[in-house]
Protein backbone atom coordinates (compact mmCIF):
# COMPACT_ATOMS: atom_id res chain seq x y z
CA UNK A 1 72.41 -6.40 16.17
CA UNK A 2 71.47 -9.61 14.41
CA UNK A 3 70.76 -9.01 10.44
CA UNK A 4 67.33 -10.34 10.61
CA UNK A 5 66.14 -8.00 13.32
CA UNK A 6 67.53 -5.09 11.39
CA UNK A 7 65.67 -6.05 8.24
CA UNK A 8 62.48 -6.20 10.34
CA UNK A 9 63.09 -2.99 11.87
CA UNK A 10 63.74 -1.21 8.92
CA UNK A 11 60.63 -2.67 7.14
CA UNK A 12 58.76 -1.52 10.16
CA UNK A 13 60.19 2.10 9.92
CA UNK A 14 59.19 2.22 6.28
CA UNK A 15 55.68 0.94 6.94
CA UNK A 16 55.29 3.67 9.77
CA UNK A 17 56.57 6.39 7.42
CA UNK A 18 54.21 5.19 4.76
CA UNK A 19 51.29 5.40 7.27
CA UNK A 20 52.37 8.76 8.51
CA UNK A 21 52.77 10.05 4.96
CA UNK A 22 49.37 8.65 3.94
CA UNK A 23 47.60 10.56 7.14
CA UNK A 24 49.33 13.87 6.07
CA UNK A 25 48.26 13.66 2.58
CA UNK A 26 44.74 12.94 4.05
CA UNK A 27 44.97 15.85 6.12
CA UNK A 28 45.65 17.84 2.86
CA UNK A 29 42.49 16.26 1.36
CA UNK A 30 44.69 14.10 -0.91
CA UNK A 31 43.86 10.29 -0.55
CA UNK A 32 41.24 9.17 1.96
CA UNK A 33 37.81 8.50 0.53
CA UNK A 34 35.07 10.80 0.97
CA UNK A 35 32.48 9.98 3.64
CA UNK A 36 29.17 8.55 2.27
CA UNK A 37 26.43 11.17 2.49
CA UNK A 38 23.40 9.78 4.25
CA UNK A 39 20.22 9.56 2.47
CA UNK A 40 17.59 12.30 3.07
CA UNK A 41 15.04 11.74 5.85
CA UNK A 42 11.43 11.16 4.53
CA UNK A 43 8.88 12.66 6.99
CA UNK A 44 5.25 12.64 6.31
CA UNK A 45 2.58 14.62 8.06
CA UNK A 46 -0.42 12.83 9.61
CA UNK A 47 -3.74 13.38 11.22
CA UNK A 48 -6.70 11.20 12.35
CA UNK A 49 -9.32 11.55 9.88
CA UNK A 50 -12.07 12.49 12.45
CA UNK A 51 -9.98 15.33 13.87
CA UNK A 52 -6.56 15.58 15.59
CA UNK A 53 -3.40 17.47 15.97
CA UNK A 54 -0.95 16.96 13.20
CA UNK A 55 1.89 14.56 13.86
CA UNK A 56 4.89 13.37 11.81
CA UNK A 57 5.91 9.79 10.96
CA UNK A 58 9.23 8.60 9.42
CA UNK A 59 11.39 5.46 9.04
CA UNK A 60 8.77 2.89 7.84
CA UNK A 61 8.99 0.28 5.09
CA UNK A 62 5.62 -1.40 4.93
CA UNK A 63 1.95 -0.51 5.64
CA UNK A 64 1.99 -2.46 8.88
CA UNK A 65 4.98 -0.40 10.09
CA UNK A 66 3.39 2.80 9.07
CA UNK A 67 0.25 2.04 11.11
CA UNK A 68 2.34 1.30 14.20
CA UNK A 69 4.10 4.62 13.63
CA UNK A 70 0.88 6.43 13.34
CA UNK A 71 -0.56 4.64 16.25
CA UNK A 72 2.51 5.53 18.29
CA UNK A 73 1.94 9.41 17.37
CA UNK A 74 -1.52 9.31 18.38
CA UNK A 75 -1.22 6.87 21.48
CA UNK A 76 -3.75 4.36 20.15
CA UNK A 77 -3.41 0.72 19.21
CA UNK A 78 -2.48 -0.05 15.60
CA UNK A 79 -5.53 -2.35 15.40
CA UNK A 80 -7.80 0.64 15.77
CA UNK A 81 -6.61 1.91 12.34
CA UNK A 82 -8.97 0.67 9.45
CA UNK A 83 -7.24 2.38 6.58
CA UNK A 84 -5.75 5.66 5.59
CA UNK A 85 -6.50 8.20 2.86
CA UNK A 86 -4.02 10.52 1.20
CA UNK A 87 -4.70 14.44 1.10
CA UNK A 88 -8.31 14.18 2.14
CA UNK A 89 -9.89 13.32 5.66
CA UNK A 90 -12.86 12.20 3.70
CA UNK A 91 -13.76 8.36 3.08
CA UNK A 92 -12.65 8.72 -0.63
CA UNK A 93 -11.94 5.29 -1.96
CA UNK A 94 -10.00 6.89 -4.97
CA UNK A 95 -7.46 8.29 -2.30
CA UNK A 96 -6.79 5.17 -0.35
CA UNK A 97 -3.16 4.67 0.75
CA UNK A 98 -1.60 1.73 -0.92
CA UNK A 99 1.95 0.63 -1.46
CA UNK A 100 3.00 3.95 -3.03
CA UNK A 101 3.01 7.41 -1.19
CA UNK A 102 3.82 10.61 -2.95
CA UNK A 103 6.66 12.38 -1.14
CA UNK A 104 4.59 15.49 -0.48
CA UNK A 105 1.17 13.37 0.49
CA UNK A 106 -0.46 14.18 3.68
CA UNK A 107 -1.76 10.84 5.47
CA UNK A 108 -5.11 10.67 7.10
CA UNK A 109 -5.80 7.77 9.30
CA UNK A 110 -9.43 6.39 9.64
CA UNK A 111 -9.91 4.63 13.01
CA UNK A 112 -12.81 2.33 14.13
CA UNK A 113 -16.01 3.88 14.97
CA UNK A 114 -19.66 2.47 15.43
CA UNK A 115 -20.30 -1.18 15.17
CA UNK A 116 -23.33 -2.52 13.32
CA UNK A 117 -25.17 -5.58 12.62
CA UNK A 118 -27.14 -5.78 9.32
CA UNK A 119 -29.37 -8.59 7.77
CA UNK A 120 -29.26 -8.77 4.07
CA UNK A 121 -31.74 -10.74 1.79
CA UNK A 122 -29.94 -12.16 -1.17
CA UNK A 123 -32.56 -12.04 -3.82
CA UNK A 124 -30.01 -11.99 -6.76
CA UNK A 125 -26.72 -13.60 -7.60
CA UNK A 126 -24.82 -10.18 -7.48
CA UNK A 127 -24.78 -8.23 -4.25
CA UNK A 128 -23.44 -5.24 -5.96
CA UNK A 129 -20.46 -4.37 -3.87
CA UNK A 130 -16.72 -4.31 -4.35
CA UNK A 131 -14.16 -5.25 -1.65
CA UNK A 132 -10.63 -4.13 -1.10
CA UNK A 133 -8.39 -4.54 2.09
CA UNK A 134 -5.87 -2.40 4.11
CA UNK A 135 -2.99 -4.85 3.48
CA UNK A 136 -2.85 -5.79 7.23
CA UNK A 137 -6.10 -7.84 7.73
CA UNK A 138 -9.16 -5.56 7.44
CA UNK A 139 -11.42 -5.90 4.36
CA UNK A 140 -13.90 -3.27 3.70
CA UNK A 141 -16.18 -2.17 1.27
CA UNK A 142 -14.75 0.13 -1.64
CA UNK A 143 -17.74 0.45 -3.89
CA UNK A 144 -21.63 -0.20 -3.99
CA UNK A 145 -23.39 -0.31 -7.16
CA UNK A 146 -26.37 1.75 -7.64
CA UNK A 147 -29.62 -0.18 -7.50
CA UNK A 148 -28.03 -3.15 -6.13
CA UNK A 149 -29.12 -5.31 -3.21
CA UNK A 150 -26.53 -3.68 -1.08
CA UNK A 151 -27.69 -0.36 -2.16
CA UNK A 152 -31.11 -0.67 -0.86
CA UNK A 153 -29.66 -1.44 2.70
CA UNK A 154 -28.95 2.20 3.79
CA UNK A 155 -27.10 1.28 6.84
CA UNK A 156 -24.33 -0.19 4.71
CA UNK A 157 -21.73 2.42 3.55
CA UNK A 158 -18.72 2.59 1.47
CA UNK A 159 -15.61 2.44 3.82
CA UNK A 160 -17.39 0.09 6.30
CA UNK A 161 -15.06 -2.76 7.49
CA UNK A 162 -16.59 -6.27 7.20
CA UNK A 163 -15.83 -7.96 10.56
CA UNK A 164 -17.88 -11.20 10.23
CA UNK A 165 -20.34 -12.90 7.73
CA UNK A 166 -22.96 -15.24 9.34
CA UNK A 167 -21.08 -15.17 12.64
CA UNK A 168 -17.83 -16.14 11.00
CA UNK A 169 -14.99 -13.78 11.84
CA UNK A 170 -13.01 -12.87 8.67
CA UNK A 171 -10.47 -10.33 10.30
CA UNK A 172 -7.23 -11.27 8.61
CA UNK A 173 -8.85 -12.54 5.37
CA UNK A 174 -7.64 -10.97 2.05
CA UNK A 175 -10.21 -9.15 0.01
CA UNK A 176 -10.70 -11.85 -2.61
CA UNK A 177 -11.29 -14.42 0.01
CA UNK A 178 -14.11 -12.24 1.39
CA UNK A 179 -15.66 -11.45 -2.03
CA UNK A 180 -15.67 -15.27 -2.73
CA UNK A 181 -17.39 -15.82 0.46
CA UNK A 182 -20.03 -13.38 -0.27
CA UNK A 183 -20.42 -14.68 -3.85
CA UNK A 184 -21.05 -18.09 -2.66
CA UNK A 185 -23.93 -17.21 -0.19
CA UNK A 186 -27.04 -18.93 -1.29
CA UNK A 187 -29.60 -17.06 -3.27
CA UNK A 188 -33.05 -16.38 -1.80
CA UNK A 189 -31.49 -16.52 1.78
CA UNK A 190 -31.05 -13.91 4.68
CA UNK A 191 -27.39 -13.59 5.75
CA UNK A 192 -25.96 -11.46 8.40
CA UNK A 193 -22.85 -9.03 8.39
CA UNK A 194 -21.08 -7.35 11.35
CA UNK A 195 -19.59 -4.11 10.13
CA UNK A 196 -17.50 -1.33 11.70
CA UNK A 197 -17.76 2.05 10.24
CA UNK A 198 -14.87 4.67 10.41
CA UNK A 199 -15.07 7.24 13.13
CA UNK A 200 -16.92 10.41 11.95
CA UNK A 201 -15.59 13.86 12.44
CA UNK A 202 -16.52 15.90 15.53
CA UNK A 203 -16.63 19.10 13.62
CA UNK A 204 -16.65 20.37 10.01
CA UNK A 205 -14.46 23.28 10.18
CA UNK A 206 -10.98 23.86 8.63
CA UNK A 207 -8.11 21.68 9.88
CA UNK A 208 -4.84 22.74 10.83
CA UNK A 209 -2.09 21.80 8.14
CA UNK A 210 1.72 21.50 8.62
CA UNK A 211 4.53 21.87 5.95
CA UNK A 212 3.69 22.07 2.15
CA UNK A 213 1.27 19.19 2.18
CA UNK A 214 -0.96 18.80 -0.80
CA UNK A 215 -4.77 18.67 -0.85
CA UNK A 216 -4.82 17.77 -4.60
CA UNK A 217 -4.07 14.91 -6.60
CA UNK A 218 -2.23 11.86 -5.01
CA UNK A 219 1.51 11.84 -5.64
CA UNK A 220 1.78 15.66 -6.58
CA UNK A 221 5.61 15.28 -6.76
CA UNK A 222 7.43 13.30 -9.61
CA UNK A 223 8.70 10.72 -6.97
CA UNK A 224 6.90 8.20 -4.40
CA UNK A 225 7.85 6.09 -1.63
CA UNK A 226 7.16 2.45 -2.56
CA UNK A 227 6.41 0.32 0.47
CA UNK A 228 7.25 -3.43 0.59
CA UNK A 229 6.11 -6.37 2.64
CA UNK A 230 9.83 -7.43 2.76
CA UNK A 231 12.92 -5.37 2.37
CA UNK A 232 13.32 -1.60 2.68
CA UNK A 233 11.09 0.95 1.07
CA UNK A 234 12.34 2.65 -2.02
CA UNK A 235 11.99 5.87 -3.69
CA UNK A 236 10.83 5.69 -7.27
CA UNK A 237 9.81 7.86 -10.23
CA UNK A 238 5.97 8.03 -10.94
CA UNK A 239 4.79 5.68 -13.37
CA UNK A 240 4.35 6.77 -17.09
CA UNK A 241 0.79 7.91 -18.05
CA UNK A 242 0.67 4.64 -20.40
CA UNK A 243 1.70 2.38 -17.48
CA UNK A 244 -0.90 4.00 -15.08
CA UNK A 245 -3.69 3.47 -17.59
CA UNK A 246 -2.80 -0.05 -18.07
CA UNK A 247 -2.63 -0.66 -14.33
CA UNK A 248 -5.97 1.00 -13.88
CA UNK A 249 -7.39 -1.33 -16.71
CA UNK A 250 -6.24 -4.26 -14.66
CA UNK A 251 -7.71 -3.00 -11.55
CA UNK A 252 -11.04 -2.66 -13.50
CA UNK A 253 -10.69 -6.28 -14.60
CA UNK A 254 -10.09 -7.33 -11.04
CA UNK A 255 -13.60 -5.62 -10.14
CA UNK A 256 -15.23 -7.35 -13.03
CA UNK A 257 -14.08 -10.85 -12.49
CA UNK A 258 -13.30 -11.14 -8.74
CA UNK A 259 -15.32 -8.25 -7.11
CA UNK A 260 -12.33 -6.77 -5.64
CA UNK A 261 -10.36 -3.43 -6.36
CA UNK A 262 -6.61 -3.23 -5.37
CA UNK A 263 -4.18 -0.82 -7.35
CA UNK A 264 -1.19 -2.60 -5.77
CA UNK A 265 -2.27 -6.02 -6.69
CA UNK A 266 -3.09 -4.51 -10.25
CA UNK A 267 0.54 -3.08 -10.41
CA UNK A 268 2.01 -6.64 -9.47
CA UNK A 269 -0.02 -8.34 -12.02
CA UNK A 270 1.25 -5.73 -14.69
CA UNK A 271 4.75 -6.11 -13.65
CA UNK A 272 4.66 -9.89 -13.91
CA UNK A 273 3.41 -9.54 -17.56
CA UNK A 274 5.38 -6.55 -18.94
CA UNK A 275 8.29 -8.54 -20.02
CA UNK A 276 6.62 -11.71 -21.23
CA UNK A 277 6.37 -12.60 -24.89
CA UNK A 278 3.00 -14.45 -24.96
CA UNK A 279 -0.18 -15.07 -22.79
CA UNK A 280 1.18 -18.57 -21.95
CA UNK A 281 4.31 -17.21 -20.39
CA UNK A 282 2.35 -14.66 -18.61
CA UNK A 283 -0.07 -17.21 -17.23
CA UNK A 284 2.79 -19.16 -15.88
CA UNK A 285 4.39 -16.13 -14.24
CA UNK A 286 1.07 -14.93 -12.82
CA UNK A 287 0.60 -18.52 -11.38
CA UNK A 288 4.01 -18.63 -9.83
CA UNK A 289 3.71 -15.00 -8.20
CA UNK A 290 -0.14 -15.08 -7.31
CA UNK A 291 -1.29 -18.72 -7.55
CA UNK A 292 -3.37 -18.27 -4.33
CA UNK A 293 -5.69 -15.98 -6.30
CA UNK A 294 -6.74 -18.68 -8.67
CA UNK A 295 -7.47 -16.30 -11.62
CA UNK A 296 -9.90 -17.48 -14.22
CA UNK A 297 -8.45 -17.97 -17.67
CA UNK A 298 -10.77 -15.24 -19.17
CA UNK A 299 -9.30 -12.72 -16.63
CA UNK A 300 -5.70 -13.78 -17.70
CA UNK A 301 -6.30 -13.18 -21.46
CA UNK A 302 -8.09 -9.91 -20.85
CA UNK A 303 -5.32 -8.65 -18.84
CA UNK A 304 -2.78 -9.96 -21.25
CA UNK A 305 -4.64 -7.70 -23.73
CA UNK A 306 -4.30 -4.65 -21.47
CA UNK A 307 -0.55 -5.17 -21.04
CA UNK A 308 -0.17 -5.75 -24.84
CA UNK A 309 -1.97 -2.43 -25.56
CA UNK A 310 0.46 -0.76 -23.07
CA UNK A 311 3.43 -2.28 -24.89
CA UNK A 312 2.37 -0.88 -28.14
CA UNK A 313 1.94 2.53 -26.47
């Protein structure tokens, strides 16, 4: 046998022996790497707010994906869902579902109900309403100020989706654009809004529940699922009390300066400024991240004050 062939054959035999040895060691639990443990499945219970059986949703990363999952459970179109509340079927604007869901939260979906058209006479500059949106194209009324113009029109309610203003369809508009549109309406003139209210409950009796769902405060556990417009959702720790208060202050400033409330936007603004050294750096970061909002300078300085207070604890 040629020498070269013998060398190759011996080398091959040694390699085979090494592989067999490795397999035997693996069989004894010696050398093969342990298989990766898959992440736990996150399953949330859900109902239609006006009354339904309880369904389950999982494997979603954004609000839009969540609405699609809920729609699939109840065999409706995702476009029928106006917004969701956590742990209550009531139209409670303090319990709106945003970008964070407590791992024990129960999701109630509010769907389209009665359509209505209202005429409003703008006798003052301020209409007295605060706008928010569901993150997928529906703006709605989050708050009505007592004694305001809108408060005097009893057919307009908190939770109503604004479909059009003076015949212009605003579906797909963000809350700040809708608030700007309303603010720019001329004083001493009549304007028209088409609204859609959420469907009301058929009955007021107790609802069925599933699992260990909470009916109390949002995010009863210490962890939340954070939804994102791009990329996978992540499980995060609940924010500290100091951070939570700072974000709530930013949300209050959004309402004061822009006529909107959006706790997710307030969180993004806080995150943009928490590691900045001065208001100028913060303003640049804010313009880069959220330039479309065109925040006024007074708002930026007041927000910087709230973030600075949070840094000092």
